[in-house]
Amino acid sequence: MIWPSPGYPIYERGALFAGAQGIPVGLSGDFLFTEDMVAESDWERSAMAWICTPHNPAGSVMSREVLAAFYDRARGSGTLLCSDECYADIYDGEPPGSILQVADADLGGVLAFFSLSKRSGMTGYRSGAIVGDAEAIAALVAMRTAAGTAPPEFTQMAAAAAWADDTHATQRREIFSTKRQIVRAGFEGLGFEIVGSEAGLYLWVAVDDDLELTGRLLESGVVVSPGRVFGQGGEGFIRLALVPTVDECVHAVEVVQECLREN
């Protein structure tokens, strides 16, 4: 199983639970995952590959050309291509592309994953959608039934209402854009480099020592994630989650500025 690293830890955990051999592909620079970063031999022996756009944790966004190249390469090796697009509704500027836009009409060989946790702020509902290859969807349905994880009726009704309405998603996108600007300006004003961070709920900030800085900020009451917890390549970065309110983000920036200027 192939996945980008740093990345959402569930990719690796899923591989371990399935008894699969993992092939993490280290990202750096602009943290954009491209198909040519995977060795030819790894493509040929992999049953599944994960991509993520907008990327968690770095917020980089794949172009349609990059998505198409991934699709073509995965189809050529018979690799099921899973596209994590859970942050697709949170962006600045143009909306991110989807693997569904470059796949064949029957969506063979691809699965796209979406989540109401990000789009609608319905984190506790644990509700989302998977779209793509009919055979793979059938296998997922069979496994879900066996695991007994069918959501209650009220969750299904709430999810249907959320998917049917784009107005609230637009409003959330505008709020996150405001918060992104506030926090970005605060860290850039201190001389930190913001990498990627084009979309999604996070800012990916280059630092000298991610563990040390995480500890210093925690002592001041600001919680961030050290980049290394997301896997190889995350060292030297911190992930800032834009989940507090706008006012709380303003206050957090003030605390951060006071904390880091003292050092």
C-alpha atoms as a PDB file:
ATOM      1  CA  MET A   1       0.000   0.000   0.000  1.00  0.00           C
ATOM      2  CA  ILE A   2       1.316   3.419  -1.034  1.00  0.00           C
ATOM      3  CA  TRP A   3       0.657   6.693   0.803  1.00  0.00           C
ATOM      4  CA  PRO A   4       2.240  10.147   1.122  1.00  0.00           C
ATOM      5  CA  SER A   5       4.247  10.951   4.248  1.00  0.00           C
ATOM      6  CA  PRO A   6       3.652  13.070   6.225  1.00  0.00           C
ATOM      7  CA  GLY A   7      -0.022  12.230   5.954  1.00  0.00           C
ATOM      8  CA  TYR A   8      -3.166  11.166   7.750  1.00  0.00           C
ATOM      9  CA  PRO A   9      -1.994   8.405  10.152  1.00  0.00           C
ATOM     10  CA  ILE A  10      -4.949   6.159   9.265  1.00  0.00           C
ATOM     11  CA  TYR A  11      -3.338   5.226   5.931  1.00  0.00           C
ATOM     12  CA  GLU A  12      -0.522   3.465   7.745  1.00  0.00           C
ATOM     13  CA  ARG A  13      -2.765   2.021  10.454  1.00  0.00           C
ATOM     14  CA  GLY A  14      -5.125   0.615   7.834  1.00  0.00           C
ATOM     15  CA  ALA A  15      -2.229  -1.098   6.116  1.00  0.00           C
ATOM     16  CA  LEU A  16      -1.070  -2.592   9.414  1.00  0.00           C
ATOM     17  CA  PHE A  17      -4.548  -3.874  10.307  1.00  0.00           C
ATOM     18  CA  ALA A  18      -4.844  -5.467   6.861  1.00  0.00           C
ATOM     19  CA  GLY A  19      -1.433  -7.108   7.150  1.00  0.00           C
ATOM     20  CA  ALA A  20      -0.213  -5.172   4.107  1.00  0.00           C
ATOM     21  CA  GLN A  21       3.305  -3.958   3.486  1.00  0.00           C
ATOM     22  CA  GLY A  22       3.397  -0.178   3.654  1.00  0.00           C
ATOM     23  CA  ILE A  23       5.215   2.064   1.198  1.00  0.00           C
ATOM     24  CA  PRO A  24       5.284   5.594   2.633  1.00  0.00           C
ATOM     25  CA  VAL A  25       6.562   8.144   0.119  1.00  0.00           C
ATOM     26  CA  GLY A  26       8.355  11.053   1.789  1.00  0.00           C
ATOM     27  CA  LEU A  27       7.257  14.553   0.782  1.00  0.00           C
ATOM     28  CA  SER A  28       9.263  17.752   1.081  1.00  0.00           C
ATOM     29  CA  GLY A  29       9.600  21.141  -0.574  1.00  0.00           C
ATOM     30  CA  ASP A  30       6.084  22.088  -1.659  1.00  0.00           C
ATOM     31  CA  PHE A  31       4.674  18.842  -0.182  1.00  0.00           C
ATOM     32  CA  LEU A  32       2.946  17.999  -3.436  1.00  0.00           C
ATOM     33  CA  PHE A  33       2.660  14.248  -4.108  1.00  0.00           C
ATOM     34  CA  THR A  34       3.204  13.223  -7.747  1.00  0.00           C
ATOM     35  CA  GLU A  35       3.008   9.781  -9.334  1.00  0.00           C
ATOM     36  CA  ASP A  36       6.655   9.767 -10.430  1.00  0.00           C
ATOM     37  CA  MET A  37       7.745   9.875  -6.783  1.00  0.00           C
ATOM     38  CA  VAL A  38       6.661   6.229  -6.527  1.00  0.00           C
ATOM     39  CA  ALA A  39       9.169   3.694  -7.847  1.00  0.00           C
ATOM     40  CA  GLU A  40       8.041   1.633 -10.834  1.00  0.00           C
ATOM     41  CA  SER A  41       8.546  -1.574  -8.876  1.00  0.00           C
ATOM     42  CA  ASP A  42       6.342  -0.262  -6.056  1.00  0.00           C
ATOM     43  CA  TRP A  43       3.526   0.563  -8.484  1.00  0.00           C
ATOM     44  CA  GLU A  44       3.649  -2.933  -9.915  1.00  0.00           C
ATOM     45  CA  ARG A  45       3.398  -4.661  -6.535  1.00  0.00           C
ATOM     46  CA  SER A  46       0.872  -2.383  -4.821  1.00  0.00           C
ATOM     47  CA  ALA A  47      -2.803  -3.276  -4.466  1.00  0.00           C
ATOM     48  CA  MET A  48      -3.779   0.171  -3.217  1.00  0.00           C
ATOM     49  CA  ALA A  49      -2.472   3.743  -3.223  1.00  0.00           C
ATOM     50  CA  TRP A  50      -3.655   6.742  -1.218  1.00  0.00           C
ATOM     51  CA  ILE A  51      -3.502  10.334  -2.363  1.00  0.00           C
ATOM     52  CA  CYS A  52      -4.849  13.327  -0.443  1.00  0.00           C
ATOM     53  CA  THR A  53      -5.977  16.659  -1.889  1.00  0.00           C
ATOM     54  CA  PRO A  54      -6.168  19.116  -0.242  1.00  0.00           C
ATOM     55  CA  HIS A  55      -3.385  17.449   1.677  1.00  0.00           C
ATOM     56  CA  ASN A  56      -3.472  16.859   5.407  1.00  0.00           C
ATOM     57  CA  PRO A  57      -1.340  18.192   7.080  1.00  0.00           C
ATOM     58  CA  ALA A  58       0.376  20.481   4.529  1.00  0.00           C
ATOM     59  CA  GLY A  59      -2.632  21.900   2.667  1.00  0.00           C
ATOM     60  CA  SER A  60      -1.087  21.448  -0.798  1.00  0.00           C
ATOM     61  CA  VAL A  61      -3.521  20.936  -3.685  1.00  0.00           C
ATOM     62  CA  MET A  62      -3.074  18.583  -6.664  1.00  0.00           C
ATOM     63  CA  SER A  63      -3.801  19.978 -10.111  1.00  0.00           C
ATOM     64  CA  ARG A  64      -6.023  18.046 -12.497  1.00  0.00           C
ATOM     65  CA  GLU A  65      -2.905  17.190 -14.488  1.00  0.00           C
ATOM     66  CA  VAL A  66      -1.307  15.567 -11.432  1.00  0.00           C
ATOM     67  CA  LEU A  67      -4.544  13.732 -10.618  1.00  0.00           C
ATOM     68  CA  ALA A  68      -4.789  12.465 -14.199  1.00  0.00           C
ATOM     69  CA  ALA A  69      -1.197  11.233 -14.089  1.00  0.00           C
ATOM     70  CA  PHE A  70      -1.914   9.342 -10.860  1.00  0.00           C
ATOM     71  CA  TYR A  71      -5.040   7.835 -12.371  1.00  0.00           C
ATOM     72  CA  ASP A  72      -3.281   6.678 -15.528  1.00  0.00           C
ATOM     73  CA  ARG A  73      -0.385   5.191 -13.573  1.00  0.00           C
ATOM     74  CA  ALA A  74      -2.619   3.370 -11.105  1.00  0.00           C
ATOM     75  CA  ARG A  75      -4.780   1.948 -13.888  1.00  0.00           C
ATOM     76  CA  GLY A  76      -1.673   0.760 -15.695  1.00  0.00           C
ATOM     77  CA  SER A  77      -0.550  -1.287 -12.699  1.00  0.00           C
ATOM     78  CA  GLY A  78      -4.009  -2.399 -11.540  1.00  0.00           C
ATOM     79  CA  THR A  79      -3.661  -0.430  -8.303  1.00  0.00           C
ATOM     80  CA  LEU A  80      -6.838   0.767  -6.586  1.00  0.00           C
ATOM     81  CA  LEU A  81      -6.425   4.539  -6.244  1.00  0.00           C
ATOM     82  CA  CYS A  82      -8.040   5.992  -3.109  1.00  0.00           C
ATOM     83  CA  SER A  83      -8.350   9.774  -3.099  1.00  0.00           C
ATOM     84  CA  ASP A  84      -8.853  11.409   0.292  1.00  0.00           C
ATOM     85  CA  GLU A  85     -10.809  14.572  -0.584  1.00  0.00           C
ATOM     86  CA  CYS A  86     -12.292  15.240   2.840  1.00  0.00           C
ATOM     87  CA  TYR A  87     -11.096  18.880   2.790  1.00  0.00           C
ATOM     88  CA  ALA A  88     -12.363  19.639  -0.717  1.00  0.00           C
ATOM     89  CA  ASP A  89     -14.904  22.230   0.470  1.00  0.00           C
ATOM     90  CA  ILE A  90     -12.395  24.310   2.468  1.00  0.00           C
ATOM     91  CA  TYR A  91     -10.216  26.383   0.139  1.00  0.00           C
ATOM     92  CA  ASP A  92      -9.222  29.871  -1.004  1.00  0.00           C
ATOM     93  CA  GLY A  93      -9.574  30.783  -4.680  1.00  0.00           C
ATOM     94  CA  GLU A  94     -10.501  28.051  -7.140  1.00  0.00           C
ATOM     95  CA  PRO A  95     -11.991  24.783  -5.833  1.00  0.00           C
ATOM     96  CA  PRO A  96      -9.642  21.785  -5.768  1.00  0.00           C
ATOM     97  CA  GLY A  97      -9.980  19.175  -8.491  1.00  0.00           C
ATOM     98  CA  SER A  98     -11.227  15.648  -7.826  1.00  0.00           C
ATOM     99  CA  ILE A  99     -10.065  12.255  -9.016  1.00  0.00           C
ATOM    100  CA  LEU A 100     -13.664  11.756 -10.179  1.00  0.00           C
ATOM    101  CA  GLN A 101     -13.157  14.490 -12.782  1.00  0.00           C
ATOM    102  CA  VAL A 102     -10.296  12.676 -14.507  1.00  0.00           C
ATOM    103  CA  ALA A 103     -11.453   9.053 -14.141  1.00  0.00           C
ATOM    104  CA  ASP A 104     -13.271   7.056 -16.817  1.00  0.00           C
ATOM    105  CA  ALA A 105     -17.072   7.258 -16.845  1.00  0.00           C
ATOM    106  CA  ASP A 106     -17.449   3.977 -14.949  1.00  0.00           C
ATOM    107  CA  LEU A 107     -15.050   5.227 -12.227  1.00  0.00           C
ATOM    108  CA  GLY A 108     -13.221   1.928 -12.403  1.00  0.00           C
ATOM    109  CA  GLY A 109     -10.190   1.639 -10.150  1.00  0.00           C
ATOM    110  CA  VAL A 110     -10.835   4.748  -8.028  1.00  0.00           C
ATOM    111  CA  LEU A 111     -12.532   5.640  -4.755  1.00  0.00           C
ATOM    112  CA  ALA A 112     -13.019   9.243  -3.611  1.00  0.00           C
ATOM    113  CA  PHE A 113     -13.602   9.884   0.100  1.00  0.00           C
ATOM    114  CA  PHE A 114     -15.581  12.864   1.446  1.00  0.00           C
ATOM    115  CA  SER A 115     -16.496  13.926   4.972  1.00  0.00           C
ATOM    116  CA  LEU A 116     -19.159  16.051   6.654  1.00  0.00           C
ATOM    117  CA  SER A 117     -16.727  16.580   9.525  1.00  0.00           C
ATOM    118  CA  LYS A 118     -14.899  19.204   7.473  1.00  0.00           C
ATOM    119  CA  ARG A 119     -17.521  20.437   5.017  1.00  0.00           C
ATOM    120  CA  SER A 120     -20.273  20.881   7.607  1.00  0.00           C
ATOM    121  CA  GLY A 121     -18.535  20.792  10.988  1.00  0.00           C
ATOM    122  CA  MET A 122     -20.340  17.538  11.846  1.00  0.00           C
ATOM    123  CA  THR A 123     -17.305  15.843  13.372  1.00  0.00           C
ATOM    124  CA  GLY A 124     -19.176  13.878  16.021  1.00  0.00           C
ATOM    125  CA  TYR A 125     -21.545  12.376  13.471  1.00  0.00           C
ATOM    126  CA  ARG A 126     -18.694  10.419  11.815  1.00  0.00           C
ATOM    127  CA  SER A 127     -20.537  10.620   8.514  1.00  0.00           C
ATOM    128  CA  GLY A 128     -19.153  10.898   5.013  1.00  0.00           C
ATOM    129  CA  ALA A 129     -19.393   9.473   1.519  1.00  0.00           C
ATOM    130  CA  ILE A 130     -17.352   7.187  -0.721  1.00  0.00           C
ATOM    131  CA  VAL A 131     -17.818   7.443  -4.489  1.00  0.00           C
ATOM    132  CA  GLY A 132     -16.242   5.327  -7.207  1.00  0.00           C
ATOM    133  CA  ASP A 133     -15.572   1.785  -8.387  1.00  0.00           C
ATOM    134  CA  ALA A 134     -18.754  -0.303  -8.071  1.00  0.00           C
ATOM    135  CA  GLU A 135     -16.941  -3.529  -7.174  1.00  0.00           C
ATOM    136  CA  ALA A 136     -14.908  -1.825  -4.458  1.00  0.00           C
ATOM    137  CA  ILE A 137     -18.040  -0.128  -3.076  1.00  0.00           C
ATOM    138  CA  ALA A 138     -19.792  -3.508  -2.898  1.00  0.00           C
ATOM    139  CA  ALA A 139     -16.883  -4.912  -0.884  1.00  0.00           C
ATOM    140  CA  LEU A 140     -17.035  -1.949   1.496  1.00  0.00           C
ATOM    141  CA  VAL A 141     -20.782  -2.424   1.977  1.00  0.00           C
ATOM    142  CA  ALA A 142     -20.250  -6.091   2.825  1.00  0.00           C
ATOM    143  CA  MET A 143     -17.542  -5.275   5.371  1.00  0.00           C
ATOM    144  CA  ARG A 144     -19.530  -2.430   6.936  1.00  0.00           C
ATOM    145  CA  THR A 145     -22.547  -4.679   7.448  1.00  0.00           C
ATOM    146  CA  ALA A 146     -20.391  -7.363   9.071  1.00  0.00           C
ATOM    147  CA  ALA A 147     -18.804  -4.815  11.403  1.00  0.00           C
ATOM    148  CA  GLY A 148     -22.176  -3.522  12.586  1.00  0.00           C
ATOM    149  CA  THR A 149     -21.318   0.148  12.069  1.00  0.00           C
ATOM    150  CA  ALA A 150     -24.499   1.377  10.373  1.00  0.00           C
ATOM    151  CA  PRO A 151     -25.278   4.956  11.554  1.00  0.00           C
ATOM    152  CA  PRO A 152     -28.543   5.699  13.382  1.00  0.00           C
ATOM    153  CA  GLU A 153     -31.440   7.173  11.436  1.00  0.00           C
ATOM    154  CA  PHE A 154     -31.064  10.706  12.831  1.00  0.00           C
ATOM    155  CA  THR A 155     -27.452  10.792  11.613  1.00  0.00           C
ATOM    156  CA  GLN A 156     -28.505   9.697   8.151  1.00  0.00           C
ATOM    157  CA  MET A 157     -31.234  12.349   8.018  1.00  0.00           C
ATOM    158  CA  ALA A 158     -28.846  15.076   9.186  1.00  0.00           C
ATOM    159  CA  ALA A 159     -26.253  13.950   6.634  1.00  0.00           C
ATOM    160  CA  ALA A 160     -28.783  14.036   3.801  1.00  0.00           C
ATOM    161  CA  ALA A 161     -29.748  17.591   4.766  1.00  0.00           C
ATOM    162  CA  ALA A 162     -26.099  18.693   4.949  1.00  0.00           C
ATOM    163  CA  TRP A 163     -25.157  17.199   1.570  1.00  0.00           C
ATOM    164  CA  ALA A 164     -28.195  18.878  -0.020  1.00  0.00           C
ATOM    165  CA  ASP A 165     -27.200  22.379   1.115  1.00  0.00           C
ATOM    166  CA  ASP A 166     -24.172  24.287  -0.179  1.00  0.00           C
ATOM    167  CA  THR A 167     -24.917  27.608   1.514  1.00  0.00           C
ATOM    168  CA  HIS A 168     -23.509  26.622   4.888  1.00  0.00           C
ATOM    169  CA  ALA A 169     -20.406  25.151   3.226  1.00  0.00           C
ATOM    170  CA  THR A 170     -19.789  28.489   1.497  1.00  0.00           C
ATOM    171  CA  GLN A 171     -20.179  30.319   4.807  1.00  0.00           C
ATOM    172  CA  ARG A 172     -17.745  27.972   6.534  1.00  0.00           C
ATOM    173  CA  ARG A 173     -15.266  28.423   3.690  1.00  0.00           C
ATOM    174  CA  GLU A 174     -15.363  32.207   4.163  1.00  0.00           C
ATOM    175  CA  ILE A 175     -14.845  31.873   7.914  1.00  0.00           C
ATOM    176  CA  PHE A 176     -11.865  29.554   7.473  1.00  0.00           C
ATOM    177  CA  SER A 177     -10.381  31.935   4.905  1.00  0.00           C
ATOM    178  CA  THR A 178     -10.556  34.743   7.457  1.00  0.00           C
ATOM    179  CA  LYS A 179      -8.939  32.609  10.137  1.00  0.00           C
ATOM    180  CA  ARG A 180      -6.222  31.474   7.722  1.00  0.00           C
ATOM    181  CA  GLN A 181      -5.321  35.078   6.946  1.00  0.00           C
ATOM    182  CA  ILE A 182      -5.172  36.014  10.639  1.00  0.00           C
ATOM    183  CA  VAL A 183      -2.937  33.144  11.710  1.00  0.00           C
ATOM    184  CA  ARG A 184      -0.771  33.269   8.582  1.00  0.00           C
ATOM    185  CA  ALA A 185      -0.087  36.977   9.100  1.00  0.00           C
ATOM    186  CA  GLY A 186       0.803  36.381  12.730  1.00  0.00           C
ATOM    187  CA  PHE A 187       3.406  33.701  12.015  1.00  0.00           C
ATOM    188  CA  GLU A 188       4.812  35.367   8.911  1.00  0.00           C
ATOM    189  CA  GLY A 189       5.190  38.561  10.956  1.00  0.00           C
ATOM    190  CA  LEU A 190       7.479  36.580  13.262  1.00  0.00           C
ATOM    191  CA  GLY A 191       9.577  35.408  10.303  1.00  0.00           C
ATOM    192  CA  PHE A 192       8.178  31.882   9.951  1.00  0.00           C
ATOM    193  CA  GLU A 193       7.646  30.322   6.525  1.00  0.00           C
ATOM    194  CA  ILE A 194       4.189  28.971   5.714  1.00  0.00           C
ATOM    195  CA  VAL A 195       4.452  25.995   3.348  1.00  0.00           C
ATOM    196  CA  GLY A 196       1.556  24.746   1.199  1.00  0.00           C
ATOM    197  CA  SER A 197      -1.529  25.667   3.251  1.00  0.00           C
ATOM    198  CA  GLU A 198      -3.593  26.543   0.173  1.00  0.00           C
ATOM    199  CA  ALA A 199      -6.677  24.724   1.441  1.00  0.00           C
ATOM    200  CA  GLY A 200      -8.034  22.588   4.260  1.00  0.00           C
ATOM    201  CA  LEU A 201      -8.261  23.393   7.952  1.00  0.00           C
ATOM    202  CA  TYR A 202      -4.563  23.803   8.711  1.00  0.00           C
ATOM    203  CA  LEU A 203      -1.423  25.885   8.336  1.00  0.00           C
ATOM    204  CA  TRP A 204       1.875  24.030   7.843  1.00  0.00           C
ATOM    205  CA  VAL A 205       4.670  26.098   9.368  1.00  0.00           C
ATOM    206  CA  ALA A 206       8.412  25.499   8.976  1.00  0.00           C
ATOM    207  CA  VAL A 207      10.272  25.646  12.313  1.00  0.00           C
ATOM    208  CA  ASP A 208      13.680  24.655  13.656  1.00  0.00           C
ATOM    209  CA  ASP A 209      12.515  21.975  16.088  1.00  0.00           C
ATOM    210  CA  ASP A 210       8.859  20.943  15.948  1.00  0.00           C
ATOM    211  CA  LEU A 211       8.874  19.156  19.318  1.00  0.00           C
ATOM    212  CA  GLU A 212      10.605  21.982  21.160  1.00  0.00           C
ATOM    213  CA  LEU A 213       8.356  24.685  19.709  1.00  0.00           C
ATOM    214  CA  THR A 214       5.231  22.615  20.342  1.00  0.00           C
ATOM    215  CA  GLY A 215       6.226  22.364  24.013  1.00  0.00           C
ATOM    216  CA  ARG A 216       6.900  26.091  24.329  1.00  0.00           C
ATOM    217  CA  LEU A 217       3.557  27.012  22.810  1.00  0.00           C
ATOM    218  CA  LEU A 218       1.744  24.464  24.974  1.00  0.00           C
ATOM    219  CA  GLU A 219       3.146  26.090  28.104  1.00  0.00           C
ATOM    220  CA  SER A 220       1.502  29.320  26.925  1.00  0.00           C
ATOM    221  CA  GLY A 221      -1.822  27.603  26.291  1.00  0.00           C
ATOM    222  CA  VAL A 222      -1.624  27.223  22.503  1.00  0.00           C
ATOM    223  CA  VAL A 223      -1.962  23.639  21.253  1.00  0.00           C
ATOM    224  CA  VAL A 224      -0.341  22.706  17.936  1.00  0.00           C
ATOM    225  CA  SER A 225       0.787  19.393  16.453  1.00  0.00           C
ATOM    226  CA  PRO A 226       4.466  18.595  15.858  1.00  0.00           C
ATOM    227  CA  GLY A 227       4.898  17.638  12.226  1.00  0.00           C
ATOM    228  CA  ARG A 228       6.681  14.378  12.941  1.00  0.00           C
ATOM    229  CA  VAL A 229       3.501  12.782  14.348  1.00  0.00           C
ATOM    230  CA  PHE A 230       2.223  12.685  10.752  1.00  0.00           C
ATOM    231  CA  GLY A 231       5.134  10.545   9.624  1.00  0.00           C
ATOM    232  CA  GLN A 232       8.445  10.727   7.814  1.00  0.00           C
ATOM    233  CA  GLY A 233       9.093  14.185   6.381  1.00  0.00           C
ATOM    234  CA  GLY A 234       7.094  16.036   9.002  1.00  0.00           C
ATOM    235  CA  GLU A 235      10.081  16.859  11.170  1.00  0.00           C
ATOM    236  CA  GLY A 236      10.769  20.592  11.343  1.00  0.00           C
ATOM    237  CA  PHE A 237       7.129  21.630  10.849  1.00  0.00           C
ATOM    238  CA  ILE A 238       4.125  22.287  13.044  1.00  0.00           C
ATOM    239  CA  ARG A 239       0.464  21.968  12.060  1.00  0.00           C
ATOM    240  CA  LEU A 240      -1.919  24.659  13.201  1.00  0.00           C
ATOM    241  CA  ALA A 241      -5.624  23.759  13.179  1.00  0.00           C
ATOM    242  CA  LEU A 242      -7.932  26.635  12.277  1.00  0.00           C
ATOM    243  CA  VAL A 243     -10.762  25.294  14.435  1.00  0.00           C
ATOM    244  CA  PRO A 244     -11.132  28.018  17.136  1.00  0.00           C
ATOM    245  CA  THR A 245     -13.415  30.987  16.504  1.00  0.00           C
ATOM    246  CA  VAL A 246     -12.119  34.063  14.674  1.00  0.00           C
ATOM    247  CA  ASP A 247     -11.759  35.938  17.972  1.00  0.00           C
ATOM    248  CA  GLU A 248      -9.947  32.990  19.534  1.00  0.00           C
ATOM    249  CA  CYS A 249      -7.560  32.893  16.558  1.00  0.00           C
ATOM    250  CA  VAL A 250      -6.790  36.590  17.063  1.00  0.00           C
ATOM    251  CA  HIS A 251      -6.089  35.961  20.746  1.00  0.00           C
ATOM    252  CA  ALA A 252      -3.986  32.873  19.989  1.00  0.00           C
ATOM    253  CA  VAL A 253      -1.813  34.888  17.596  1.00  0.00           C
ATOM    254  CA  GLU A 254      -1.265  37.486  20.325  1.00  0.00           C
ATOM    255  CA  VAL A 255      -0.221  34.756  22.761  1.00  0.00           C
ATOM    256  CA  VAL A 256       2.093  33.168  20.190  1.00  0.00           C
ATOM    257  CA  GLN A 257       3.729  36.497  19.386  1.00  0.00           C
ATOM    258  CA  GLU A 258       4.334  37.215  23.069  1.00  0.00           C
ATOM    259  CA  CYS A 259       5.647  33.703  23.695  1.00  0.00           C
ATOM    260  CA  LEU A 260       8.043  33.568  20.770  1.00  0.00           C
ATOM    261  CA  ARG A 261       9.300  37.138  21.015  1.00  0.00           C
ATOM    262  CA  GLU A 262      10.364  36.423  24.590  1.00  0.00           C
ATOM    263  CA  ASN A 263      12.653  33.693  23.237  1.00  0.00           C
END
